[in-house]
Amino acid sequence: MSSKGRVKILKILSEIGELNISEIARRAGLNYATTNRHLGVLEEHGLVRHKRFGRIRIFRFNEENRRAELVRRLMELWEQTDTSR
């Protein structure tokens, strides 16, 4: 969570579900290489997962990981607190 880019990616995947790297990069306002690097870190920590369809990788928020679910709840609480101001 030491990067705004990673937070953006997690938020996108938690809200939308599954996306390929190019679409994640577009929505997050990041380039492909940076997005790919962030996804690698997030996957190492178990927060996201991917499945492969030929050369295409589809990433999704890892709802089976307890830490990932806690991160999702934290983001939801943060949104609620931010909008209540």
C-alpha atoms as a PDB file:
ATOM      1  CA  MET A   1       0.000   0.000   0.000  1.00  0.00           C
ATOM      2  CA  SER A   2       3.041   2.225  -0.307  1.00  0.00           C
ATOM      3  CA  SER A   3       1.936   3.467  -3.696  1.00  0.00           C
ATOM      4  CA  LYS A   4      -1.010   5.529  -4.915  1.00  0.00           C
ATOM      5  CA  GLY A   5      -0.944   3.474  -8.110  1.00  0.00           C
ATOM      6  CA  ARG A   6      -1.451   0.241  -6.192  1.00  0.00           C
ATOM      7  CA  VAL A   7      -4.310   1.748  -4.232  1.00  0.00           C
ATOM      8  CA  LYS A   8      -5.963   2.889  -7.470  1.00  0.00           C
ATOM      9  CA  ILE A   9      -5.564  -0.588  -8.963  1.00  0.00           C
ATOM     10  CA  LEU A  10      -7.020  -2.278  -5.891  1.00  0.00           C
ATOM     11  CA  LYS A  11      -9.957   0.112  -5.865  1.00  0.00           C
ATOM     12  CA  ILE A  12     -10.666  -0.491  -9.548  1.00  0.00           C
ATOM     13  CA  LEU A  13     -10.498  -4.268  -9.225  1.00  0.00           C
ATOM     14  CA  SER A  14     -12.561  -4.349  -6.035  1.00  0.00           C
ATOM     15  CA  GLU A  15     -15.311  -2.306  -7.685  1.00  0.00           C
ATOM     16  CA  ILE A  16     -15.324  -3.728 -11.212  1.00  0.00           C
ATOM     17  CA  GLY A  17     -14.171  -7.312 -10.854  1.00  0.00           C
ATOM     18  CA  GLU A  18     -11.962  -8.629 -13.624  1.00  0.00           C
ATOM     19  CA  LEU A  19      -9.947  -6.610 -16.129  1.00  0.00           C
ATOM     20  CA  ASN A  20      -6.906  -7.011 -18.344  1.00  0.00           C
ATOM     21  CA  ILE A  21      -3.758  -4.976 -17.749  1.00  0.00           C
ATOM     22  CA  SER A  22      -4.453  -2.473 -20.515  1.00  0.00           C
ATOM     23  CA  GLU A  23      -7.897  -1.638 -19.149  1.00  0.00           C
ATOM     24  CA  ILE A  24      -6.594  -1.393 -15.580  1.00  0.00           C
ATOM     25  CA  ALA A  25      -3.834   0.953 -16.769  1.00  0.00           C
ATOM     26  CA  ARG A  26      -6.322   3.119 -18.682  1.00  0.00           C
ATOM     27  CA  ARG A  27      -8.722   3.435 -15.739  1.00  0.00           C
ATOM     28  CA  ALA A  28      -5.910   4.092 -13.245  1.00  0.00           C
ATOM     29  CA  GLY A  29      -4.184   6.642 -15.469  1.00  0.00           C
ATOM     30  CA  LEU A  30      -0.946   4.635 -15.479  1.00  0.00           C
ATOM     31  CA  ASN A  31       1.198   3.236 -18.259  1.00  0.00           C
ATOM     32  CA  TYR A  32       1.294  -0.487 -19.044  1.00  0.00           C
ATOM     33  CA  ALA A  33       4.747  -1.171 -17.533  1.00  0.00           C
ATOM     34  CA  THR A  34       3.954   0.576 -14.257  1.00  0.00           C
ATOM     35  CA  THR A  35       0.606  -1.187 -14.005  1.00  0.00           C
ATOM     36  CA  ASN A  36       2.240  -4.544 -14.692  1.00  0.00           C
ATOM     37  CA  ARG A  37       4.848  -3.904 -11.986  1.00  0.00           C
ATOM     38  CA  HIS A  38       2.198  -2.873  -9.431  1.00  0.00           C
ATOM     39  CA  LEU A  39       0.090  -5.933 -10.261  1.00  0.00           C
ATOM     40  CA  GLY A  40       3.139  -8.141  -9.691  1.00  0.00           C
ATOM     41  CA  VAL A  41       3.631  -6.694  -6.209  1.00  0.00           C
ATOM     42  CA  LEU A  42      -0.077  -6.985  -5.387  1.00  0.00           C
ATOM     43  CA  GLU A  43      -0.100 -10.577  -6.599  1.00  0.00           C
ATOM     44  CA  GLU A  44       2.987 -11.432  -4.509  1.00  0.00           C
ATOM     45  CA  HIS A  45       1.080 -10.231  -1.451  1.00  0.00           C
ATOM     46  CA  GLY A  46      -2.011 -12.219  -2.402  1.00  0.00           C
ATOM     47  CA  LEU A  47      -4.258  -9.206  -2.931  1.00  0.00           C
ATOM     48  CA  VAL A  48      -4.937  -9.914  -6.611  1.00  0.00           C
ATOM     49  CA  ARG A  49      -4.962 -13.032  -8.776  1.00  0.00           C
ATOM     50  CA  HIS A  50      -4.804 -13.607 -12.480  1.00  0.00           C
ATOM     51  CA  LYS A  51      -5.920 -16.163 -14.992  1.00  0.00           C
ATOM     52  CA  ARG A  52      -4.481 -16.569 -18.427  1.00  0.00           C
ATOM     53  CA  PHE A  53      -6.290 -16.851 -21.744  1.00  0.00           C
ATOM     54  CA  GLY A  54      -3.490 -17.419 -24.240  1.00  0.00           C
ATOM     55  CA  ARG A  55      -1.356 -14.294 -24.052  1.00  0.00           C
ATOM     56  CA  ILE A  56      -3.972 -12.283 -22.167  1.00  0.00           C
ATOM     57  CA  ARG A  57      -3.948 -12.111 -18.379  1.00  0.00           C
ATOM     58  CA  ILE A  58      -7.138 -11.158 -16.591  1.00  0.00           C
ATOM     59  CA  PHE A  59      -6.652  -9.810 -13.077  1.00  0.00           C
ATOM     60  CA  ARG A  60      -9.152  -9.774 -10.266  1.00  0.00           C
ATOM     61  CA  PHE A  61      -9.306  -8.826  -6.612  1.00  0.00           C
ATOM     62  CA  ASN A  62      -8.510 -11.904  -4.498  1.00  0.00           C
ATOM     63  CA  GLU A  63     -11.616 -12.181  -2.347  1.00  0.00           C
ATOM     64  CA  GLU A  64     -10.382 -15.481  -0.901  1.00  0.00           C
ATOM     65  CA  ASN A  65      -7.468 -13.785   0.855  1.00  0.00           C
ATOM     66  CA  ARG A  66      -8.293 -12.449   4.319  1.00  0.00           C
ATOM     67  CA  ARG A  67      -5.867  -9.534   3.977  1.00  0.00           C
ATOM     68  CA  ALA A  68      -7.436  -8.574   0.646  1.00  0.00           C
ATOM     69  CA  GLU A  69     -10.880  -8.551   2.217  1.00  0.00           C
ATOM     70  CA  LEU A  70      -9.613  -6.351   5.056  1.00  0.00           C
ATOM     71  CA  VAL A  71      -8.113  -3.953   2.509  1.00  0.00           C
ATOM     72  CA  ARG A  72     -11.457  -3.816   0.703  1.00  0.00           C
ATOM     73  CA  ARG A  73     -13.267  -2.975   3.947  1.00  0.00           C
ATOM     74  CA  LEU A  74     -10.703  -0.301   4.761  1.00  0.00           C
ATOM     75  CA  MET A  75     -11.211   1.302   1.336  1.00  0.00           C
ATOM     76  CA  GLU A  76     -14.995   1.213   1.808  1.00  0.00           C
ATOM     77  CA  LEU A  77     -14.725   2.841   5.240  1.00  0.00           C
ATOM     78  CA  TRP A  78     -12.335   5.435   3.855  1.00  0.00           C
ATOM     79  CA  GLU A  79     -14.848   6.294   1.106  1.00  0.00           C
ATOM     80  CA  GLN A  80     -17.688   6.588   3.610  1.00  0.00           C
ATOM     81  CA  THR A  81     -15.655   8.840   5.873  1.00  0.00           C
ATOM     82  CA  ASP A  82     -14.461  10.959   2.976  1.00  0.00           C
ATOM     83  CA  THR A  83     -17.975  11.518   1.581  1.00  0.00           C
ATOM     84  CA  SER A  84     -19.474  12.346   4.969  1.00  0.00           C
ATOM     85  CA  ARG A  85     -17.369  15.505   5.321  1.00  0.00           C
END
